[in-house]
PDB file of all heavy atoms in Angstrom:
ATOM      1  N   ILE A   1    -112.237-109.736 -15.266  1.00  0.00           N
ATOM      2  CA  ILE A   1    -110.841-110.171 -15.085  1.00  0.00           C
ATOM      3  C   ILE A   1    -109.968-109.621 -16.216  1.00  0.00           C
ATOM      4  O   ILE A   1    -109.050-108.856 -15.995  1.00  0.00           O
ATOM      5  CB  ILE A   1    -110.751-111.728 -15.064  1.00  0.00           C
ATOM      6  CG1 ILE A   1    -111.585-112.321 -13.943  1.00  0.00           C
ATOM      7  CG2 ILE A   1    -109.303-112.164 -14.992  1.00  0.00           C
ATOM      8  CD1 ILE A   1    -111.041-112.059 -12.562  1.00  0.00           C
ATOM      9  N   ARG A   2    -110.261-110.000 -17.417  1.00  0.00           N
ATOM     10  CA  ARG A   2    -109.475-109.554 -18.573  1.00  0.00           C
ATOM     11  C   ARG A   2    -110.013-108.232 -19.104  1.00  0.00           C
ATOM     12  O   ARG A   2    -111.159-107.890 -18.888  1.00  0.00           O
ATOM     13  CB  ARG A   2    -109.497-110.621 -19.665  1.00  0.00           C
ATOM     14  CG  ARG A   2    -110.906-110.848 -20.190  1.00  0.00           C
ATOM     15  CD  ARG A   2    -110.963-111.931 -21.222  1.00  0.00           C
ATOM     16  NE  ARG A   2    -112.312-112.445 -21.277  1.00  0.00           N
ATOM     17  CZ  ARG A   2    -112.630-113.714 -21.362  1.00  0.00           C
ATOM     18  NH1 ARG A   2    -111.690-114.612 -21.412  1.00  0.00           N
ATOM     19  NH2 ARG A   2    -113.864-114.092 -21.419  1.00  0.00           N
ATOM     20  N   SER A   3    -109.171-107.570 -19.848  1.00  0.00           N
ATOM     21  CA  SER A   3    -109.619-106.338 -20.499  1.00  0.00           C
ATOM     22  C   SER A   3    -110.557-106.709 -21.636  1.00  0.00           C
ATOM     23  O   SER A   3    -110.235-107.587 -22.440  1.00  0.00           O
ATOM     24  CB  SER A   3    -108.413-105.572 -21.041  1.00  0.00           C
ATOM     25  OG  SER A   3    -108.868-104.494 -21.834  1.00  0.00           O
ATOM     26  N   ALA A   4    -111.669-106.034 -21.712  1.00  0.00           N
ATOM     27  CA  ALA A   4    -112.617-106.261 -22.796  1.00  0.00           C
ATOM     28  C   ALA A   4    -112.351-105.303 -23.957  1.00  0.00           C
ATOM     29  O   ALA A   4    -113.156-105.186 -24.877  1.00  0.00           O
ATOM     30  CB  ALA A   4    -114.046-106.122 -22.309  1.00  0.00           C
ATOM     31  N   ASN A   5    -111.213-104.586 -23.893  1.00  0.00           N
ATOM     32  CA  ASN A   5    -110.863-103.647 -24.952  1.00  0.00           C
ATOM     33  C   ASN A   5    -110.286-104.448 -26.115  1.00  0.00           C
ATOM     34  O   ASN A   5    -109.218-105.072 -26.032  1.00  0.00           O
ATOM     35  CB  ASN A   5    -109.834-102.652 -24.428  1.00  0.00           C
ATOM     36  CG  ASN A   5    -109.441-101.606 -25.447  1.00  0.00           C
ATOM     37  OD1 ASN A   5    -109.155-101.930 -26.596  1.00  0.00           O
ATOM     38  ND2 ASN A   5    -109.418-100.362 -25.022  1.00  0.00           N
ATOM     39  N   HIS A   6    -111.022-104.431 -27.204  1.00  0.00           N
ATOM     40  CA  HIS A   6    -110.678-105.176 -28.420  1.00  0.00           C
ATOM     41  C   HIS A   6    -109.255-104.845 -28.887  1.00  0.00           C
ATOM     42  O   HIS A   6    -108.527-105.725 -29.321  1.00  0.00           O
ATOM     43  CB  HIS A   6    -111.724-104.833 -29.489  1.00  0.00           C
ATOM     44  CG  HIS A   6    -111.505-105.461 -30.821  1.00  0.00           C
ATOM     45  ND1 HIS A   6    -111.890-106.749 -31.099  1.00  0.00           N
ATOM     46  CD2 HIS A   6    -110.923-104.977 -31.934  1.00  0.00           C
ATOM     47  CE1 HIS A   6    -111.568-107.033 -32.330  1.00  0.00           C
ATOM     48  NE2 HIS A   6    -110.977-105.988 -32.873  1.00  0.00           N
ATOM     49  N   TRP A   7    -108.886-103.590 -28.815  1.00  0.00           N
ATOM     50  CA  TRP A   7    -107.578-103.157 -29.330  1.00  0.00           C
ATOM     51  C   TRP A   7    -106.422-103.610 -28.446  1.00  0.00           C
ATOM     52  O   TRP A   7    -105.352-103.946 -28.967  1.00  0.00           O
ATOM     53  CB  TRP A   7    -107.561-101.640 -29.524  1.00  0.00           C
ATOM     54  CG  TRP A   7    -108.639-101.258 -30.487  1.00  0.00           C
ATOM     55  CD1 TRP A   7    -109.790-100.578 -30.235  1.00  0.00           C
ATOM     56  CD2 TRP A   7    -108.684-101.590 -31.876  1.00  0.00           C
ATOM     57  NE1 TRP A   7    -110.540-100.477 -31.364  1.00  0.00           N
ATOM     58  CE2 TRP A   7    -109.897-101.077 -32.411  1.00  0.00           C
ATOM     59  CE3 TRP A   7    -107.843-102.290 -32.747  1.00  0.00           C
ATOM     60  CZ2 TRP A   7    -110.274-101.233 -33.739  1.00  0.00           C
ATOM     61  CZ3 TRP A   7    -108.212-102.433 -34.079  1.00  0.00           C
ATOM     62  CH2 TRP A   7    -109.412-101.910 -34.551  1.00  0.00           C
ATOM     63  N   ILE A   8    -106.655-103.680 -27.160  1.00  0.00           N
ATOM     64  CA  ILE A   8    -105.603-104.204 -26.270  1.00  0.00           C
ATOM     65  C   ILE A   8    -105.387-105.675 -26.572  1.00  0.00           C
ATOM     66  O   ILE A   8    -104.243-106.140 -26.642  1.00  0.00           O
ATOM     67  CB  ILE A   8    -105.990-104.012 -24.784  1.00  0.00           C
ATOM     68  CG1 ILE A   8    -105.923-102.517 -24.429  1.00  0.00           C
ATOM     69  CG2 ILE A   8    -105.116-104.847 -23.847  1.00  0.00           C
ATOM     70  CD1 ILE A   8    -106.437-102.180 -23.047  1.00  0.00           C
ATOM     71  N   GLN A   9    -106.475-106.418 -26.757  1.00  0.00           N
ATOM     72  CA  GLN A   9    -106.342-107.841 -27.050  1.00  0.00           C
ATOM     73  C   GLN A   9    -105.698-108.081 -28.415  1.00  0.00           C
ATOM     74  O   GLN A   9    -104.891-108.983 -28.572  1.00  0.00           O
ATOM     75  CB  GLN A   9    -107.717-108.525 -26.960  1.00  0.00           C
ATOM     76  CG  GLN A   9    -108.315-108.478 -25.548  1.00  0.00           C
ATOM     77  CD  GLN A   9    -107.401-108.988 -24.472  1.00  0.00           C
ATOM     78  OE1 GLN A   9    -106.512-109.812 -24.684  1.00  0.00           O
ATOM     79  NE2 GLN A   9    -107.600-108.509 -23.253  1.00  0.00           N
ATOM     80  N   LEU A  10    -106.059-107.257 -29.408  1.00  0.00           N
ATOM     81  CA  LEU A  10    -105.411-107.392 -30.714  1.00  0.00           C
ATOM     82  C   LEU A  10    -103.925-107.088 -30.621  1.00  0.00           C
ATOM     83  O   LEU A  10    -103.092-107.791 -31.218  1.00  0.00           O
ATOM     84  CB  LEU A  10    -106.080-106.461 -31.730  1.00  0.00           C
ATOM     85  CG  LEU A  10    -105.452-106.443 -33.125  1.00  0.00           C
ATOM     86  CD1 LEU A  10    -105.481-107.833 -33.762  1.00  0.00           C
ATOM     87  CD2 LEU A  10    -106.154-105.421 -34.018  1.00  0.00           C
ATOM     88  N   HIS A  11    -103.558-106.069 -29.853  1.00  0.00           N
ATOM     89  CA  HIS A  11    -102.160-105.713 -29.672  1.00  0.00           C
ATOM     90  C   HIS A  11    -101.396-106.918 -29.081  1.00  0.00           C
ATOM     91  O   HIS A  11    -100.327-107.302 -29.597  1.00  0.00           O
ATOM     92  CB  HIS A  11    -102.038-104.496 -28.744  1.00  0.00           C
ATOM     93  CG  HIS A  11    -100.646-103.983 -28.589  1.00  0.00           C
ATOM     94  ND1 HIS A  11    -100.335-102.965 -27.720  1.00  0.00           N
ATOM     95  CD2 HIS A  11     -99.467-104.330 -29.161  1.00  0.00           C
ATOM     96  CE1 HIS A  11     -99.044-102.720 -27.768  1.00  0.00           C
ATOM     97  NE2 HIS A  11     -98.500-103.536 -28.631  1.00  0.00           N
ATOM     98  N   PHE A  12    -101.934-107.517 -28.035  1.00  0.00           N
ATOM     99  CA  PHE A  12    -101.280-108.699 -27.450  1.00  0.00           C
ATOM    100  C   PHE A  12    -101.135-109.797 -28.488  1.00  0.00           C
ATOM    101  O   PHE A  12    -100.074-110.397 -28.620  1.00  0.00           O
ATOM    102  CB  PHE A  12    -102.062-109.212 -26.235  1.00  0.00           C
ATOM    103  CG  PHE A  12    -101.507-110.511 -25.724  1.00  0.00           C
ATOM    104  CD1 PHE A  12    -100.398-110.523 -24.893  1.00  0.00           C
ATOM    105  CD2 PHE A  12    -102.041-111.721 -26.126  1.00  0.00           C
ATOM    106  CE1 PHE A  12     -99.848-111.731 -24.456  1.00  0.00           C
ATOM    107  CE2 PHE A  12    -101.502-112.926 -25.706  1.00  0.00           C
ATOM    108  CZ  PHE A  12    -100.414-112.926 -24.859  1.00  0.00           C
ATOM    109  N   HIS A  13    -102.215-110.057 -29.201  1.00  0.00           N
ATOM    110  CA  HIS A  13    -102.211-111.165 -30.179  1.00  0.00           C
ATOM    111  C   HIS A  13    -101.172-110.951 -31.275  1.00  0.00           C
ATOM    112  O   HIS A  13    -100.468-111.908 -31.661  1.00  0.00           O
ATOM    113  CB  HIS A  13    -103.614-111.339 -30.776  1.00  0.00           C
ATOM    114  CG  HIS A  13    -103.849-112.703 -31.323  1.00  0.00           C
ATOM    115  ND1 HIS A  13    -104.286-113.747 -30.540  1.00  0.00           N
ATOM    116  CD2 HIS A  13    -103.693-113.225 -32.569  1.00  0.00           C
ATOM    117  CE1 HIS A  13    -104.390-114.841 -31.273  1.00  0.00           C
ATOM    118  NE2 HIS A  13    -104.040-114.544 -32.503  1.00  0.00           N
ATOM    119  N   VAL A  14    -101.038-109.741 -31.757  1.00  0.00           N
ATOM    120  CA  VAL A  14    -100.058-109.437 -32.808  1.00  0.00           C
ATOM    121  C   VAL A  14     -98.637-109.629 -32.273  1.00  0.00           C
ATOM    122  O   VAL A  14     -97.767-110.195 -32.957  1.00  0.00           O
ATOM    123  CB  VAL A  14    -100.288-108.027 -33.372  1.00  0.00           C
ATOM    124  CG1 VAL A  14     -99.130-107.575 -34.225  1.00  0.00           C
ATOM    125  CG2 VAL A  14    -101.606-107.984 -34.156  1.00  0.00           C
ATOM    126  N   VAL A  15     -98.379-109.171 -31.055  1.00  0.00           N
ATOM    127  CA  VAL A  15     -97.071-109.356 -30.446  1.00  0.00           C
ATOM    128  C   VAL A  15     -96.788-110.871 -30.287  1.00  0.00           C
ATOM    129  O   VAL A  15     -95.705-111.352 -30.604  1.00  0.00           O
ATOM    130  CB  VAL A  15     -96.955-108.626 -29.100  1.00  0.00           C
ATOM    131  CG1 VAL A  15     -95.671-108.986 -28.371  1.00  0.00           C
ATOM    132  CG2 VAL A  15     -97.036-107.115 -29.331  1.00  0.00           C
ATOM    133  N   LEU A  16     -97.778-111.596 -29.804  1.00  0.00           N
ATOM    134  CA  LEU A  16     -97.631-113.057 -29.642  1.00  0.00           C
ATOM    135  C   LEU A  16     -97.299-113.741 -30.962  1.00  0.00           C
ATOM    136  O   LEU A  16     -96.361-114.522 -31.060  1.00  0.00           O
ATOM    137  CB  LEU A  16     -98.914-113.637 -29.032  1.00  0.00           C
ATOM    138  CG  LEU A  16     -98.978-115.148 -28.888  1.00  0.00           C
ATOM    139  CD1 LEU A  16     -97.982-115.650 -27.862  1.00  0.00           C
ATOM    140  CD2 LEU A  16    -100.383-115.572 -28.540  1.00  0.00           C
ATOM    141  N   GLU A  17     -98.087-113.439 -31.992  1.00  0.00           N
ATOM    142  CA  GLU A  17     -97.834-114.041 -33.300  1.00  0.00           C
ATOM    143  C   GLU A  17     -96.462-113.655 -33.831  1.00  0.00           C
ATOM    144  O   GLU A  17     -95.789-114.470 -34.476  1.00  0.00           O
ATOM    145  CB  GLU A  17     -98.924-113.666 -34.284  1.00  0.00           C
ATOM    146  CG  GLU A  17    -100.253-114.342 -34.004  1.00  0.00           C
ATOM    147  CD  GLU A  17    -101.344-113.934 -34.989  1.00  0.00           C
ATOM    148  OE1 GLU A  17    -101.345-112.797 -35.470  1.00  0.00           O
ATOM    149  OE2 GLU A  17    -102.192-114.809 -35.256  1.00  0.00           O
ATOM    150  N   GLY A  18     -96.052-112.429 -33.578  1.00  0.00           N
ATOM    151  CA  GLY A  18     -94.709-112.007 -34.024  1.00  0.00           C
ATOM    152  C   GLY A  18     -93.607-112.809 -33.357  1.00  0.00           C
ATOM    153  O   GLY A  18     -92.665-113.232 -34.019  1.00  0.00           O
ATOM    154  N   LEU A  19     -93.732-113.035 -32.072  1.00  0.00           N
ATOM    155  CA  LEU A  19     -92.716-113.825 -31.356  1.00  0.00           C
ATOM    156  C   LEU A  19     -92.748-115.298 -31.845  1.00  0.00           C
ATOM    157  O   LEU A  19     -91.682-115.893 -32.031  1.00  0.00           O
ATOM    158  CB  LEU A  19     -92.951-113.795 -29.853  1.00  0.00           C
ATOM    159  CG  LEU A  19     -92.559-112.483 -29.160  1.00  0.00           C
ATOM    160  CD1 LEU A  19     -92.917-112.534 -27.679  1.00  0.00           C
ATOM    161  CD2 LEU A  19     -91.083-112.177 -29.337  1.00  0.00           C
ATOM    162  N   LEU A  20     -93.933-115.835 -32.022  1.00  0.00           N
ATOM    163  CA  LEU A  20     -94.034-117.214 -32.515  1.00  0.00           C
ATOM    164  C   LEU A  20     -93.327-117.358 -33.862  1.00  0.00           C
ATOM    165  O   LEU A  20     -92.606-118.326 -34.099  1.00  0.00           O
ATOM    166  CB  LEU A  20     -95.497-117.657 -32.657  1.00  0.00           C
ATOM    167  CG  LEU A  20     -96.218-117.908 -31.329  1.00  0.00           C
ATOM    168  CD1 LEU A  20     -97.733-117.975 -31.557  1.00  0.00           C
ATOM    169  CD2 LEU A  20     -95.726-119.181 -30.679  1.00  0.00           C
ATOM    170  N   ALA A  21     -93.498-116.383 -34.745  1.00  0.00           N
ATOM    171  CA  ALA A  21     -92.850-116.421 -36.058  1.00  0.00           C
ATOM    172  C   ALA A  21     -91.349-116.165 -35.942  1.00  0.00           C
ATOM    173  O   ALA A  21     -90.543-116.862 -36.548  1.00  0.00           O
ATOM    174  CB  ALA A  21     -93.500-115.386 -36.983  1.00  0.00           C
ATOM    175  N   ARG A  22     -90.977-115.207 -35.136  1.00  0.00           N
ATOM    176  CA  ARG A  22     -89.559-114.817 -35.043  1.00  0.00           C
ATOM    177  C   ARG A  22     -88.720-115.922 -34.392  1.00  0.00           C
ATOM    178  O   ARG A  22     -87.561-116.132 -34.741  1.00  0.00           O
ATOM    179  CB  ARG A  22     -89.439-113.531 -34.247  1.00  0.00           C
ATOM    180  CG  ARG A  22     -88.034-113.039 -34.119  1.00  0.00           C
ATOM    181  CD  ARG A  22     -88.010-111.588 -33.707  1.00  0.00           C
ATOM    182  NE  ARG A  22     -86.762-110.980 -34.008  1.00  0.00           N
ATOM    183  CZ  ARG A  22     -86.392-110.483 -35.183  1.00  0.00           C
ATOM    184  NH1 ARG A  22     -87.220-110.535 -36.179  1.00  0.00           N
ATOM    185  NH2 ARG A  22     -85.222-109.959 -35.362  1.00  0.00           N
ATOM    186  N   TRP A  23     -89.304-116.611 -33.420  1.00  0.00           N
ATOM    187  CA  TRP A  23     -88.573-117.641 -32.701  1.00  0.00           C
ATOM    188  C   TRP A  23     -88.535-118.953 -33.446  1.00  0.00           C
ATOM    189  O   TRP A  23     -87.964-119.936 -32.965  1.00  0.00           O
ATOM    190  CB  TRP A  23     -89.115-117.818 -31.286  1.00  0.00           C
ATOM    191  CG  TRP A  23     -88.755-116.666 -30.390  1.00  0.00           C
ATOM    192  CD1 TRP A  23     -87.878-115.668 -30.644  1.00  0.00           C
ATOM    193  CD2 TRP A  23     -89.265-116.413 -29.085  1.00  0.00           C
ATOM    194  NE1 TRP A  23     -87.804-114.787 -29.592  1.00  0.00           N
ATOM    195  CE2 TRP A  23     -88.649-115.219 -28.598  1.00  0.00           C
ATOM    196  CE3 TRP A  23     -90.190-117.051 -28.272  1.00  0.00           C
ATOM    197  CZ2 TRP A  23     -88.929-114.693 -27.364  1.00  0.00           C
ATOM    198  CZ3 TRP A  23     -90.460-116.513 -27.020  1.00  0.00           C
ATOM    199  CH2 TRP A  23     -89.827-115.351 -26.588  1.00  0.00           C
ATOM    200  N   GLU A  24     -89.097-119.006 -34.653  1.00  0.00           N
ATOM    201  CA  GLU A  24     -88.998-120.147 -35.553  1.00  0.00           C
ATOM    202  C   GLU A  24     -89.215-121.476 -34.844  1.00  0.00           C
ATOM    203  O   GLU A  24     -88.346-122.331 -34.800  1.00  0.00           O
ATOM    204  CB  GLU A  24     -87.635-120.115 -36.244  1.00  0.00           C
ATOM    205  CG  GLU A  24     -87.426-118.858 -37.066  1.00  0.00           C
ATOM    206  CD  GLU A  24     -86.034-118.754 -37.679  1.00  0.00           C
ATOM    207  OE1 GLU A  24     -85.182-119.617 -37.419  1.00  0.00           O
ATOM    208  OE2 GLU A  24     -85.818-117.776 -38.404  1.00  0.00           O
ATOM    209  N   LEU A  25     -90.423-121.627 -34.326  1.00  0.00           N
ATOM    210  CA  LEU A  25     -90.762-122.853 -33.597  1.00  0.00           C
ATOM    211  C   LEU A  25     -91.251-123.948 -34.540  1.00  0.00           C
ATOM    212  O   LEU A  25     -91.628-125.038 -34.096  1.00  0.00           O
ATOM    213  CB  LEU A  25     -91.794-122.524 -32.533  1.00  0.00           C
ATOM    214  CG  LEU A  25     -91.296-121.505 -31.512  1.00  0.00           C
ATOM    215  CD1 LEU A  25     -92.415-121.056 -30.597  1.00  0.00           C
ATOM    216  CD2 LEU A  25     -90.136-122.067 -30.713  1.00  0.00           C
ATOM    217  N   GLY A  26     -91.258-123.650 -35.815  1.00  0.00           N
ATOM    218  CA  GLY A  26     -91.494-124.641 -36.864  1.00  0.00           C
ATOM    219  C   GLY A  26     -92.800-125.403 -36.791  1.00  0.00           C
ATOM    220  O   GLY A  26     -93.845-124.807 -36.548  1.00  0.00           O
ATOM    221  N   ASP A  27     -92.698-126.700 -36.948  1.00  0.00           N
ATOM    222  CA  ASP A  27     -93.893-127.516 -37.091  1.00  0.00           C
ATOM    223  C   ASP A  27     -94.596-127.768 -35.767  1.00  0.00           C
ATOM    224  O   ASP A  27     -95.602-128.468 -35.738  1.00  0.00           O
ATOM    225  CB  ASP A  27     -93.559-128.848 -37.770  1.00  0.00           C
ATOM    226  CG  ASP A  27     -92.637-129.738 -36.952  1.00  0.00           C
ATOM    227  OD1 ASP A  27     -92.080-129.257 -35.951  1.00  0.00           O
ATOM    228  OD2 ASP A  27     -92.475-130.916 -37.324  1.00  0.00           O
ATOM    229  N   ARG A  28     -94.133-127.222 -34.683  1.00  0.00           N
ATOM    230  CA  ARG A  28     -94.847-127.353 -33.405  1.00  0.00           C
ATOM    231  C   ARG A  28     -96.088-126.463 -33.375  1.00  0.00           C
ATOM    232  O   ARG A  28     -97.015-126.716 -32.612  1.00  0.00           O
ATOM    233  CB  ARG A  28     -93.932-126.977 -32.240  1.00  0.00           C
ATOM    234  CG  ARG A  28     -92.937-128.048 -31.900  1.00  0.00           C
ATOM    235  CD  ARG A  28     -92.231-127.702 -30.593  1.00  0.00           C
ATOM    236  NE  ARG A  28     -91.293-126.625 -30.747  1.00  0.00           N
ATOM    237  CZ  ARG A  28     -90.057-126.763 -31.162  1.00  0.00           C
ATOM    238  NH1 ARG A  28     -89.608-127.957 -31.488  1.00  0.00           N
ATOM    239  NH2 ARG A  28     -89.264-125.737 -31.259  1.00  0.00           N
TER     240      ARG A  28
END
């Protein structure tokens, strides 16, 4: 189902963490 490519998953994770930080969701 999902891509087992480690680098694709890391890319997604870094983008996700960037949005979480940028959108300043604070203590949630």
